[in-house]
N, C-alpha and C. Protein backbone atom coordinates (compact mmCIF):
# COMPACT_ATOMS: atom_id res chain seq x y z
N UNK A 1 50.02 78.86 -14.88
CA UNK A 1 49.71 77.63 -14.16
C UNK A 1 50.82 76.61 -14.41
N UNK A 2 51.31 76.00 -13.34
CA UNK A 2 52.38 75.00 -13.48
C UNK A 2 51.82 73.74 -14.13
N UNK A 3 52.74 72.90 -14.62
CA UNK A 3 52.33 71.64 -15.27
C UNK A 3 51.58 70.76 -14.28
N UNK A 4 52.04 70.70 -13.03
CA UNK A 4 51.37 69.87 -12.02
C UNK A 4 49.95 70.37 -11.75
N UNK A 5 49.78 71.70 -11.66
CA UNK A 5 48.45 72.28 -11.44
C UNK A 5 47.54 71.98 -12.62
N UNK A 6 48.10 72.09 -13.83
CA UNK A 6 47.31 71.80 -15.03
C UNK A 6 46.88 70.34 -15.06
N UNK A 7 47.79 69.44 -14.68
CA UNK A 7 47.47 68.00 -14.63
C UNK A 7 46.36 67.76 -13.60
N UNK A 8 46.48 68.37 -12.42
CA UNK A 8 45.45 68.22 -11.38
C UNK A 8 44.09 68.71 -11.88
N UNK A 9 44.09 69.87 -12.52
CA UNK A 9 42.84 70.44 -13.05
C UNK A 9 42.24 69.51 -14.09
N UNK A 10 43.08 69.01 -14.98
CA UNK A 10 42.61 68.13 -16.05
C UNK A 10 42.09 66.80 -15.48
N UNK A 11 42.78 66.27 -14.49
CA UNK A 11 42.32 65.02 -13.85
C UNK A 11 40.98 65.24 -13.17
N UNK A 12 40.82 66.38 -12.52
CA UNK A 12 39.56 66.69 -11.84
C UNK A 12 38.41 66.78 -12.84
N UNK A 13 38.67 67.41 -13.99
CA UNK A 13 37.62 67.62 -14.99
C UNK A 13 37.28 66.36 -15.78
N UNK A 14 38.24 65.44 -15.93
CA UNK A 14 38.02 64.30 -16.83
C UNK A 14 38.08 62.92 -16.16
N UNK A 15 38.64 62.84 -14.96
CA UNK A 15 38.86 61.56 -14.26
C UNK A 15 39.86 60.67 -15.00
N UNK A 16 40.63 61.22 -15.91
CA UNK A 16 41.63 60.45 -16.65
C UNK A 16 42.87 60.25 -15.77
N UNK A 17 43.71 59.28 -16.15
CA UNK A 17 44.92 59.00 -15.39
C UNK A 17 45.95 60.12 -15.53
N UNK A 18 46.91 60.15 -14.59
CA UNK A 18 47.90 61.22 -14.57
C UNK A 18 48.74 61.25 -15.84
N UNK A 19 49.20 60.08 -16.29
CA UNK A 19 50.04 60.04 -17.50
C UNK A 19 49.25 60.45 -18.74
N UNK A 20 47.99 60.02 -18.81
CA UNK A 20 47.15 60.42 -19.95
C UNK A 20 46.97 61.94 -19.97
N UNK A 21 46.79 62.53 -18.79
CA UNK A 21 46.63 63.99 -18.69
C UNK A 21 47.91 64.71 -19.13
N UNK A 22 49.05 64.21 -18.67
CA UNK A 22 50.33 64.83 -19.06
C UNK A 22 50.51 64.80 -20.57
N UNK A 23 50.25 63.63 -21.16
CA UNK A 23 50.40 63.47 -22.60
C UNK A 23 49.47 64.41 -23.36
N UNK A 24 48.21 64.47 -22.91
CA UNK A 24 47.22 65.34 -23.58
C UNK A 24 47.62 66.81 -23.46
N UNK A 25 48.16 67.21 -22.31
CA UNK A 25 48.59 68.60 -22.12
C UNK A 25 49.78 68.93 -23.02
N UNK A 26 50.70 67.96 -23.18
CA UNK A 26 51.84 68.18 -24.09
C UNK A 26 51.35 68.34 -25.52
N UNK A 27 50.40 67.45 -25.93
CA UNK A 27 49.85 67.50 -27.29
C UNK A 27 49.12 68.82 -27.56
N UNK A 28 48.47 69.35 -26.52
CA UNK A 28 47.67 70.57 -26.69
C UNK A 28 48.45 71.84 -26.43
N UNK A 29 49.74 71.71 -26.11
CA UNK A 29 50.57 72.88 -25.82
C UNK A 29 50.16 73.57 -24.52
N UNK A 30 49.61 72.79 -23.58
CA UNK A 30 49.23 73.33 -22.27
C UNK A 30 47.81 73.88 -22.20
N UNK A 31 47.07 73.82 -23.31
CA UNK A 31 45.68 74.31 -23.36
C UNK A 31 44.75 73.24 -22.76
N UNK A 32 44.16 73.54 -21.61
CA UNK A 32 43.33 72.55 -20.91
C UNK A 32 42.11 72.15 -21.72
N UNK A 33 41.44 73.11 -22.36
CA UNK A 33 40.25 72.79 -23.15
C UNK A 33 40.58 71.86 -24.32
N UNK A 34 41.71 72.12 -25.00
CA UNK A 34 42.13 71.25 -26.09
C UNK A 34 42.52 69.88 -25.55
N UNK A 35 43.15 69.86 -24.38
CA UNK A 35 43.54 68.59 -23.75
C UNK A 35 42.30 67.75 -23.42
N UNK A 36 41.24 68.40 -22.95
CA UNK A 36 39.98 67.68 -22.66
C UNK A 36 39.44 67.05 -23.93
N UNK A 37 39.48 67.81 -25.03
CA UNK A 37 39.00 67.30 -26.32
C UNK A 37 39.84 66.10 -26.76
N UNK A 38 41.17 66.19 -26.61
CA UNK A 38 42.07 65.09 -26.97
C UNK A 38 41.73 63.85 -26.16
N UNK A 39 41.53 64.02 -24.84
CA UNK A 39 41.19 62.89 -23.97
C UNK A 39 39.85 62.29 -24.34
N UNK A 40 38.89 63.13 -24.68
CA UNK A 40 37.56 62.62 -25.08
C UNK A 40 37.68 61.77 -26.34
N UNK A 41 38.45 62.25 -27.32
CA UNK A 41 38.61 61.49 -28.57
C UNK A 41 39.29 60.15 -28.30
N UNK A 42 40.31 60.17 -27.46
CA UNK A 42 41.00 58.92 -27.11
C UNK A 42 40.07 57.99 -26.36
N UNK A 43 39.24 58.55 -25.50
CA UNK A 43 38.28 57.76 -24.71
C UNK A 43 37.28 57.05 -25.59
N UNK A 44 36.80 57.72 -26.62
CA UNK A 44 35.84 57.10 -27.54
C UNK A 44 36.50 55.94 -28.27
N UNK A 45 37.77 56.11 -28.66
CA UNK A 45 38.51 55.04 -29.32
C UNK A 45 38.69 53.86 -28.38
N UNK A 46 39.07 54.16 -27.13
CA UNK A 46 39.25 53.09 -26.14
C UNK A 46 37.94 52.35 -25.90
N UNK A 47 36.85 53.11 -25.79
CA UNK A 47 35.54 52.51 -25.52
C UNK A 47 35.15 51.56 -26.65
N UNK A 48 35.43 51.94 -27.89
CA UNK A 48 35.09 51.09 -29.03
C UNK A 48 35.87 49.78 -28.96
N UNK A 49 37.15 49.83 -28.53
CA UNK A 49 37.97 48.63 -28.42
C UNK A 49 37.43 47.70 -27.32
N UNK A 50 36.87 48.28 -26.27
CA UNK A 50 36.39 47.49 -25.13
C UNK A 50 35.02 46.86 -25.39
N UNK A 51 34.31 47.29 -26.42
CA UNK A 51 32.94 46.85 -26.67
C UNK A 51 32.83 45.35 -26.91
N UNK A 52 33.91 44.70 -27.36
CA UNK A 52 33.84 43.26 -27.63
C UNK A 52 34.11 42.41 -26.39
N UNK A 53 34.52 43.03 -25.30
CA UNK A 53 34.84 42.26 -24.10
C UNK A 53 33.57 41.88 -23.35
N UNK A 54 33.59 40.71 -22.72
CA UNK A 54 32.42 40.17 -22.02
C UNK A 54 32.13 40.97 -20.75
N UNK A 55 30.87 41.35 -20.61
CA UNK A 55 30.43 42.09 -19.42
C UNK A 55 29.51 41.16 -18.62
N UNK A 56 30.12 40.38 -17.71
CA UNK A 56 29.36 39.37 -16.96
C UNK A 56 29.00 39.76 -15.54
N UNK A 57 29.43 40.93 -15.11
CA UNK A 57 29.09 41.43 -13.78
C UNK A 57 28.13 42.60 -13.95
N UNK A 58 27.82 43.29 -12.87
CA UNK A 58 26.97 44.46 -12.99
C UNK A 58 26.02 44.62 -11.84
N UNK A 59 24.89 45.27 -12.12
CA UNK A 59 23.94 45.55 -11.05
C UNK A 59 22.53 45.69 -11.61
N UNK A 60 21.57 45.53 -10.72
CA UNK A 60 20.18 45.86 -11.02
C UNK A 60 19.89 47.14 -10.25
N UNK A 61 19.53 48.18 -10.98
CA UNK A 61 19.23 49.48 -10.37
C UNK A 61 17.71 49.63 -10.31
N UNK A 62 17.22 50.16 -9.19
CA UNK A 62 15.80 50.46 -9.10
C UNK A 62 15.63 51.96 -8.86
N UNK A 63 14.53 52.48 -9.38
CA UNK A 63 14.26 53.90 -9.22
C UNK A 63 12.76 54.09 -9.07
N UNK A 64 12.37 54.81 -8.05
CA UNK A 64 10.97 55.20 -7.86
C UNK A 64 10.89 56.70 -7.97
N UNK A 65 10.07 57.17 -8.89
CA UNK A 65 9.90 58.60 -9.07
C UNK A 65 9.10 59.16 -7.89
N UNK A 66 9.31 60.42 -7.58
CA UNK A 66 8.63 61.08 -6.47
C UNK A 66 7.14 60.79 -6.53
N UNK A 67 6.59 60.37 -5.40
CA UNK A 67 5.16 60.06 -5.34
C UNK A 67 4.86 58.60 -5.65
N UNK A 68 5.88 57.85 -6.08
CA UNK A 68 5.70 56.43 -6.32
C UNK A 68 4.78 56.07 -7.48
N UNK A 69 4.59 56.97 -8.43
CA UNK A 69 3.69 56.68 -9.56
C UNK A 69 4.44 56.03 -10.74
N UNK A 70 5.77 56.19 -10.78
CA UNK A 70 6.58 55.58 -11.84
C UNK A 70 7.74 54.85 -11.18
N UNK A 71 7.99 53.62 -11.63
CA UNK A 71 9.11 52.83 -11.12
C UNK A 71 9.89 52.21 -12.27
N UNK A 72 11.20 52.04 -12.07
CA UNK A 72 12.07 51.46 -13.10
C UNK A 72 12.97 50.41 -12.47
N UNK A 73 13.14 49.29 -13.16
CA UNK A 73 14.16 48.29 -12.85
C UNK A 73 15.06 48.21 -14.08
N UNK A 74 16.37 48.24 -13.86
CA UNK A 74 17.33 48.33 -14.95
C UNK A 74 18.52 47.42 -14.66
N UNK A 75 18.94 46.64 -15.67
CA UNK A 75 20.15 45.83 -15.55
C UNK A 75 21.24 46.43 -16.41
N UNK A 76 22.38 46.75 -15.77
CA UNK A 76 23.55 47.26 -16.48
C UNK A 76 24.73 46.35 -16.12
N UNK A 77 25.43 45.86 -17.14
CA UNK A 77 26.54 44.93 -16.93
C UNK A 77 27.88 45.60 -17.17
N UNK A 78 28.89 45.09 -16.46
CA UNK A 78 30.29 45.50 -16.64
C UNK A 78 31.14 44.24 -16.56
N UNK A 79 32.46 44.39 -16.60
CA UNK A 79 33.34 43.23 -16.64
C UNK A 79 33.69 42.68 -15.25
N UNK A 80 33.78 43.55 -14.24
CA UNK A 80 34.20 43.10 -12.91
C UNK A 80 33.28 43.64 -11.82
N UNK A 81 33.23 42.92 -10.70
CA UNK A 81 32.42 43.40 -9.58
C UNK A 81 33.05 44.65 -8.95
N UNK A 82 34.36 44.83 -9.14
CA UNK A 82 35.04 46.04 -8.65
C UNK A 82 34.43 47.29 -9.29
N UNK A 83 34.25 47.26 -10.60
CA UNK A 83 33.66 48.39 -11.31
C UNK A 83 32.19 48.54 -10.94
N UNK A 84 31.49 47.42 -10.75
CA UNK A 84 30.07 47.48 -10.37
C UNK A 84 29.86 48.24 -9.06
N UNK A 85 30.90 48.26 -8.21
CA UNK A 85 30.80 48.98 -6.93
C UNK A 85 31.35 50.40 -7.02
N UNK A 86 31.90 50.77 -8.17
CA UNK A 86 32.51 52.10 -8.36
C UNK A 86 31.44 53.19 -8.39
N UNK A 87 31.76 54.34 -7.81
CA UNK A 87 30.79 55.45 -7.76
C UNK A 87 30.36 55.94 -9.14
N UNK A 88 31.29 55.98 -10.10
CA UNK A 88 30.96 56.45 -11.45
C UNK A 88 29.97 55.49 -12.12
N UNK A 89 30.15 54.19 -11.90
CA UNK A 89 29.24 53.19 -12.45
C UNK A 89 27.86 53.32 -11.80
N UNK A 90 27.85 53.48 -10.48
CA UNK A 90 26.58 53.64 -9.75
C UNK A 90 25.84 54.89 -10.21
N UNK A 91 26.58 55.97 -10.41
CA UNK A 91 25.96 57.22 -10.87
C UNK A 91 25.36 57.03 -12.27
N UNK A 92 26.08 56.30 -13.13
CA UNK A 92 25.57 56.01 -14.47
C UNK A 92 24.25 55.25 -14.39
N UNK A 93 24.19 54.20 -13.56
CA UNK A 93 22.96 53.41 -13.48
C UNK A 93 21.80 54.24 -12.94
N UNK A 94 22.08 55.10 -11.99
CA UNK A 94 21.02 56.00 -11.46
C UNK A 94 20.52 56.95 -12.55
N UNK A 95 21.47 57.54 -13.30
CA UNK A 95 21.11 58.45 -14.38
C UNK A 95 20.28 57.73 -15.45
N UNK A 96 20.67 56.50 -15.78
CA UNK A 96 19.94 55.73 -16.79
C UNK A 96 18.52 55.41 -16.31
N UNK A 97 18.39 55.03 -15.04
CA UNK A 97 17.06 54.71 -14.51
C UNK A 97 16.17 55.95 -14.51
N UNK A 98 16.75 57.11 -14.15
CA UNK A 98 15.99 58.36 -14.19
C UNK A 98 15.58 58.71 -15.62
N UNK A 99 16.48 58.48 -16.56
CA UNK A 99 16.21 58.73 -17.98
C UNK A 99 15.00 57.89 -18.42
N UNK A 100 15.00 56.63 -18.05
CA UNK A 100 13.91 55.73 -18.44
C UNK A 100 12.59 56.20 -17.84
N UNK A 101 12.63 56.61 -16.57
CA UNK A 101 11.41 57.10 -15.92
C UNK A 101 10.89 58.35 -16.63
N UNK A 102 11.78 59.27 -16.98
CA UNK A 102 11.38 60.55 -17.57
C UNK A 102 11.01 60.45 -19.04
N UNK A 103 11.81 59.71 -19.83
CA UNK A 103 11.66 59.73 -21.29
C UNK A 103 10.91 58.53 -21.86
N UNK A 104 10.63 57.53 -21.04
CA UNK A 104 9.81 56.38 -21.41
C UNK A 104 10.21 55.71 -22.73
N UNK A 105 11.48 55.26 -22.88
CA UNK A 105 11.84 54.56 -24.10
C UNK A 105 11.17 53.18 -24.15
N UNK A 106 11.07 52.61 -25.33
CA UNK A 106 10.48 51.28 -25.49
C UNK A 106 11.56 50.20 -25.59
N UNK A 107 12.75 50.59 -26.06
CA UNK A 107 13.83 49.62 -26.32
C UNK A 107 15.15 50.19 -25.81
N UNK A 108 16.13 49.31 -25.60
CA UNK A 108 17.48 49.76 -25.22
C UNK A 108 18.14 50.40 -26.44
N UNK A 109 18.14 49.69 -27.58
CA UNK A 109 18.76 50.21 -28.80
C UNK A 109 17.93 49.80 -30.01
N UNK A 110 18.29 50.33 -31.17
CA UNK A 110 17.53 50.00 -32.38
C UNK A 110 17.67 48.54 -32.76
N UNK A 111 18.75 47.87 -32.29
CA UNK A 111 18.93 46.44 -32.55
C UNK A 111 17.85 45.60 -31.87
N UNK A 112 17.22 46.15 -30.83
CA UNK A 112 16.19 45.42 -30.09
C UNK A 112 14.80 45.55 -30.71
N UNK A 113 14.65 46.43 -31.69
CA UNK A 113 13.34 46.66 -32.29
C UNK A 113 13.08 45.55 -33.32
N UNK A 114 11.96 44.84 -33.18
CA UNK A 114 11.65 43.79 -34.16
C UNK A 114 11.50 44.39 -35.57
N UNK A 115 11.92 43.62 -36.58
CA UNK A 115 11.87 44.07 -37.98
C UNK A 115 10.46 44.47 -38.40
N UNK A 116 9.45 43.71 -37.91
CA UNK A 116 8.08 44.02 -38.32
C UNK A 116 7.61 45.37 -37.77
N UNK A 117 8.13 45.77 -36.60
CA UNK A 117 7.79 47.08 -36.03
C UNK A 117 8.39 48.19 -36.88
N UNK A 118 9.65 48.01 -37.29
CA UNK A 118 10.32 49.01 -38.15
C UNK A 118 9.59 49.11 -39.49
N UNK A 119 9.23 47.95 -40.07
CA UNK A 119 8.52 47.94 -41.35
C UNK A 119 7.18 48.67 -41.22
N UNK A 120 6.48 48.45 -40.12
CA UNK A 120 5.19 49.10 -39.90
C UNK A 120 5.36 50.61 -39.78
N UNK A 121 6.38 51.05 -39.04
CA UNK A 121 6.64 52.49 -38.91
C UNK A 121 6.95 53.11 -40.27
N UNK A 122 7.78 52.43 -41.08
CA UNK A 122 8.11 52.93 -42.42
C UNK A 122 6.84 53.08 -43.26
N UNK A 123 5.99 52.08 -43.16
CA UNK A 123 4.72 52.09 -43.92
C UNK A 123 3.85 53.28 -43.51
N UNK A 124 3.76 53.51 -42.21
CA UNK A 124 2.96 54.64 -41.69
C UNK A 124 3.53 55.96 -42.19
N UNK A 125 4.86 56.12 -42.09
CA UNK A 125 5.49 57.37 -42.53
C UNK A 125 5.30 57.58 -44.03
N UNK A 126 5.45 56.50 -44.81
CA UNK A 126 5.30 56.61 -46.27
C UNK A 126 3.86 56.99 -46.64
N UNK A 127 2.90 56.45 -45.92
CA UNK A 127 1.49 56.76 -46.18
C UNK A 127 1.19 58.22 -45.89
N UNK A 128 1.84 58.78 -44.88
CA UNK A 128 1.61 60.18 -44.51
C UNK A 128 2.04 61.15 -45.62
N UNK A 129 3.00 60.73 -46.45
CA UNK A 129 3.54 61.64 -47.48
C UNK A 129 3.50 61.01 -48.87
N UNK A 130 2.51 60.18 -49.13
CA UNK A 130 2.46 59.39 -50.37
C UNK A 130 2.37 60.22 -51.66
N UNK A 131 1.94 61.47 -51.57
CA UNK A 131 1.77 62.28 -52.78
C UNK A 131 3.07 62.94 -53.25
N UNK A 132 4.17 62.71 -52.56
CA UNK A 132 5.46 63.31 -52.94
C UNK A 132 6.22 62.35 -53.87
N UNK A 133 7.23 62.85 -54.62
CA UNK A 133 8.05 61.98 -55.48
C UNK A 133 8.76 60.89 -54.66
N UNK A 134 8.98 59.73 -55.29
CA UNK A 134 9.52 58.54 -54.59
C UNK A 134 10.84 58.82 -53.86
N UNK A 135 11.78 59.50 -54.54
CA UNK A 135 13.09 59.76 -53.91
C UNK A 135 12.97 60.68 -52.71
N UNK A 136 12.01 61.59 -52.74
CA UNK A 136 11.77 62.50 -51.61
C UNK A 136 11.15 61.72 -50.46
N UNK A 137 10.21 60.82 -50.81
CA UNK A 137 9.54 59.99 -49.80
C UNK A 137 10.57 59.18 -49.02
N UNK A 138 11.51 58.56 -49.73
CA UNK A 138 12.54 57.73 -49.08
C UNK A 138 13.37 58.55 -48.08
N UNK A 139 13.77 59.76 -48.48
CA UNK A 139 14.57 60.61 -47.58
C UNK A 139 13.76 61.03 -46.36
N UNK A 140 12.50 61.40 -46.59
CA UNK A 140 11.65 61.84 -45.47
C UNK A 140 11.39 60.67 -44.52
N UNK A 141 11.13 59.48 -45.08
CA UNK A 141 10.89 58.29 -44.25
C UNK A 141 12.13 57.98 -43.40
N UNK A 142 13.32 58.08 -44.00
CA UNK A 142 14.56 57.83 -43.24
C UNK A 142 14.71 58.84 -42.10
N UNK A 143 14.40 60.11 -42.38
CA UNK A 143 14.47 61.15 -41.35
C UNK A 143 13.48 60.89 -40.22
N UNK A 144 12.26 60.50 -40.59
CA UNK A 144 11.24 60.20 -39.57
C UNK A 144 11.62 58.96 -38.77
N UNK A 145 12.25 57.99 -39.43
CA UNK A 145 12.68 56.78 -38.74
C UNK A 145 13.79 57.10 -37.73
N UNK A 146 14.71 57.98 -38.12
CA UNK A 146 15.78 58.41 -37.20
C UNK A 146 15.18 59.10 -35.98
N UNK A 147 14.17 59.93 -36.20
CA UNK A 147 13.48 60.60 -35.10
C UNK A 147 12.77 59.57 -34.21
N UNK A 148 12.15 58.58 -34.83
CA UNK A 148 11.49 57.50 -34.08
C UNK A 148 12.49 56.78 -33.19
N UNK A 149 13.69 56.45 -33.73
CA UNK A 149 14.73 55.79 -32.94
C UNK A 149 15.16 56.66 -31.76
N UNK A 150 15.29 57.97 -32.00
CA UNK A 150 15.76 58.87 -30.94
C UNK A 150 14.72 59.04 -29.83
N UNK A 151 13.47 58.71 -30.11
CA UNK A 151 12.43 58.76 -29.08
C UNK A 151 12.23 57.40 -28.42
N UNK A 152 12.35 56.31 -29.20
CA UNK A 152 12.02 54.98 -28.72
C UNK A 152 13.18 54.20 -28.10
N UNK A 153 14.41 54.55 -28.47
CA UNK A 153 15.58 53.78 -28.03
C UNK A 153 16.35 54.56 -26.96
N UNK A 154 16.50 53.96 -25.81
CA UNK A 154 17.18 54.60 -24.68
C UNK A 154 18.53 55.18 -25.09
N UNK A 155 19.37 54.39 -25.75
CA UNK A 155 20.73 54.83 -26.07
C UNK A 155 20.78 55.97 -27.08
N UNK A 156 19.69 56.18 -27.82
CA UNK A 156 19.68 57.24 -28.83
C UNK A 156 18.95 58.50 -28.35
N UNK A 157 18.37 58.44 -27.16
CA UNK A 157 17.65 59.61 -26.64
C UNK A 157 18.63 60.69 -26.19
N UNK A 158 18.23 61.97 -26.28
CA UNK A 158 19.04 63.03 -25.67
C UNK A 158 19.02 62.82 -24.15
N UNK A 159 20.17 62.95 -23.52
CA UNK A 159 20.29 62.75 -22.07
C UNK A 159 19.55 63.87 -21.35
N UNK A 160 18.68 63.54 -20.41
CA UNK A 160 17.83 64.54 -19.76
C UNK A 160 18.62 65.60 -19.00
N UNK A 161 19.81 65.25 -18.50
CA UNK A 161 20.62 66.23 -17.76
C UNK A 161 21.48 67.09 -18.67
N UNK A 162 21.67 66.65 -19.92
CA UNK A 162 22.47 67.38 -20.89
C UNK A 162 21.99 67.02 -22.29
N UNK A 163 20.93 67.69 -22.78
CA UNK A 163 20.31 67.32 -24.06
C UNK A 163 21.22 67.40 -25.29
N UNK A 164 22.40 68.03 -25.17
CA UNK A 164 23.34 68.07 -26.28
C UNK A 164 24.07 66.73 -26.44
N UNK A 165 23.89 65.85 -25.47
CA UNK A 165 24.58 64.57 -25.43
C UNK A 165 23.54 63.45 -25.52
N UNK A 166 23.84 62.41 -26.30
CA UNK A 166 22.97 61.23 -26.33
C UNK A 166 23.30 60.35 -25.12
N UNK A 167 22.37 59.49 -24.76
CA UNK A 167 22.60 58.56 -23.65
C UNK A 167 23.78 57.65 -23.98
N UNK A 168 23.92 57.25 -25.24
CA UNK A 168 25.05 56.39 -25.64
C UNK A 168 26.39 57.11 -25.41
N UNK A 169 26.43 58.45 -25.59
CA UNK A 169 27.65 59.22 -25.32
C UNK A 169 28.01 59.16 -23.85
N UNK A 170 26.99 59.22 -22.99
CA UNK A 170 27.20 59.13 -21.55
C UNK A 170 27.81 57.77 -21.19
N UNK A 171 27.26 56.69 -21.75
CA UNK A 171 27.78 55.35 -21.48
C UNK A 171 29.22 55.24 -21.97
N UNK A 172 29.49 55.74 -23.18
CA UNK A 172 30.84 55.71 -23.75
C UNK A 172 31.83 56.46 -22.87
N UNK A 173 31.41 57.59 -22.34
CA UNK A 173 32.26 58.40 -21.46
C UNK A 173 32.64 57.61 -20.19
N UNK A 174 31.69 56.89 -19.62
CA UNK A 174 31.97 56.11 -18.41
C UNK A 174 32.84 54.90 -18.75
N UNK A 175 32.64 54.29 -19.92
CA UNK A 175 33.51 53.19 -20.36
C UNK A 175 34.95 53.69 -20.44
N UNK A 176 35.14 54.87 -21.04
CA UNK A 176 36.49 55.43 -21.18
C UNK A 176 37.10 55.74 -19.82
N UNK A 177 36.28 56.24 -18.90
CA UNK A 177 36.79 56.59 -17.57
C UNK A 177 37.16 55.35 -16.76
N UNK A 178 36.31 54.32 -16.79
CA UNK A 178 36.53 53.14 -15.95
C UNK A 178 37.38 52.07 -16.61
N UNK A 179 37.50 52.12 -17.93
CA UNK A 179 38.36 51.16 -18.63
C UNK A 179 37.75 49.78 -18.78
N UNK A 180 36.44 49.67 -18.70
CA UNK A 180 35.76 48.39 -18.88
C UNK A 180 34.57 48.55 -19.79
N UNK A 181 34.21 47.44 -20.45
CA UNK A 181 33.01 47.45 -21.26
C UNK A 181 31.78 47.53 -20.35
N UNK A 182 30.81 48.34 -20.73
CA UNK A 182 29.56 48.48 -19.99
C UNK A 182 28.43 48.28 -20.98
N UNK A 183 27.47 47.42 -20.60
CA UNK A 183 26.35 47.11 -21.48
C UNK A 183 25.04 47.35 -20.75
N UNK A 184 24.18 48.17 -21.35
CA UNK A 184 22.83 48.34 -20.81
C UNK A 184 22.05 47.15 -21.34
N UNK A 185 21.69 46.24 -20.44
CA UNK A 185 21.12 44.95 -20.85
C UNK A 185 19.61 45.01 -21.10
N UNK A 186 18.86 45.48 -20.09
CA UNK A 186 17.40 45.50 -20.21
C UNK A 186 16.80 46.38 -19.13
N UNK A 187 15.54 46.73 -19.32
CA UNK A 187 14.85 47.53 -18.31
C UNK A 187 13.35 47.24 -18.36
N UNK A 188 12.69 47.59 -17.28
CA UNK A 188 11.23 47.55 -17.21
C UNK A 188 10.79 48.84 -16.53
N UNK A 189 9.77 49.46 -17.10
CA UNK A 189 9.24 50.71 -16.56
C UNK A 189 7.77 50.50 -16.23
N UNK A 190 7.39 50.89 -15.02
CA UNK A 190 6.02 50.71 -14.55
C UNK A 190 5.42 52.07 -14.21
N UNK A 191 4.17 52.27 -14.61
CA UNK A 191 3.48 53.50 -14.29
C UNK A 191 2.09 53.16 -13.78
N UNK A 192 1.70 53.76 -12.66
CA UNK A 192 0.40 53.48 -12.07
C UNK A 192 -0.71 53.77 -13.07
N UNK A 193 -1.64 52.81 -13.22
CA UNK A 193 -2.77 52.98 -14.13
C UNK A 193 -2.48 52.65 -15.57
N UNK A 194 -1.24 52.21 -15.86
CA UNK A 194 -0.84 51.90 -17.23
C UNK A 194 -1.57 50.64 -17.73
N UNK A 195 -2.03 50.68 -18.97
CA UNK A 195 -2.72 49.53 -19.58
C UNK A 195 -1.73 48.74 -20.42
N UNK A 196 -1.80 47.42 -20.33
CA UNK A 196 -0.89 46.56 -21.11
C UNK A 196 -1.58 45.99 -22.32
């Protein structure tokens, strides 16, 4: 495969820029799979740098599940209205809304969980295993709390379309692709017959 063909293939698979693809292919000795890994690692680094930038634009995404029994409203912010109109951004918001409909998270991230809720969960977990030694109880409680976060927090849930990936990994991947900070701001999920 020629260098140009390899660059085209890599761009198709990753949506990275031409120069980034060339550099990654040189670093990987022409191995496309290794080049993808290199680009992913660089993308995560870039995404972390962009996290401090203000995301004042964005969109409100709505999703109605088949049959109209579940509905979701979701706000996702980015830095520019140009990105808000981008297909990759729109696909992300649709995927996130579907995730919320299917997995029913309670919070966007663990930072949104009130301290008293976390304390109550810890108390419940500790009570369930109170007859074990103290150091064992602490480790088990931490493990159960991590599981609680992965069920209750949107960004920590396994992505429904690819359970090997967390939702936060999906967001990071789109940040790396689009080159802008993206923030999942808030959501509301409605289900017919739900009690408040």
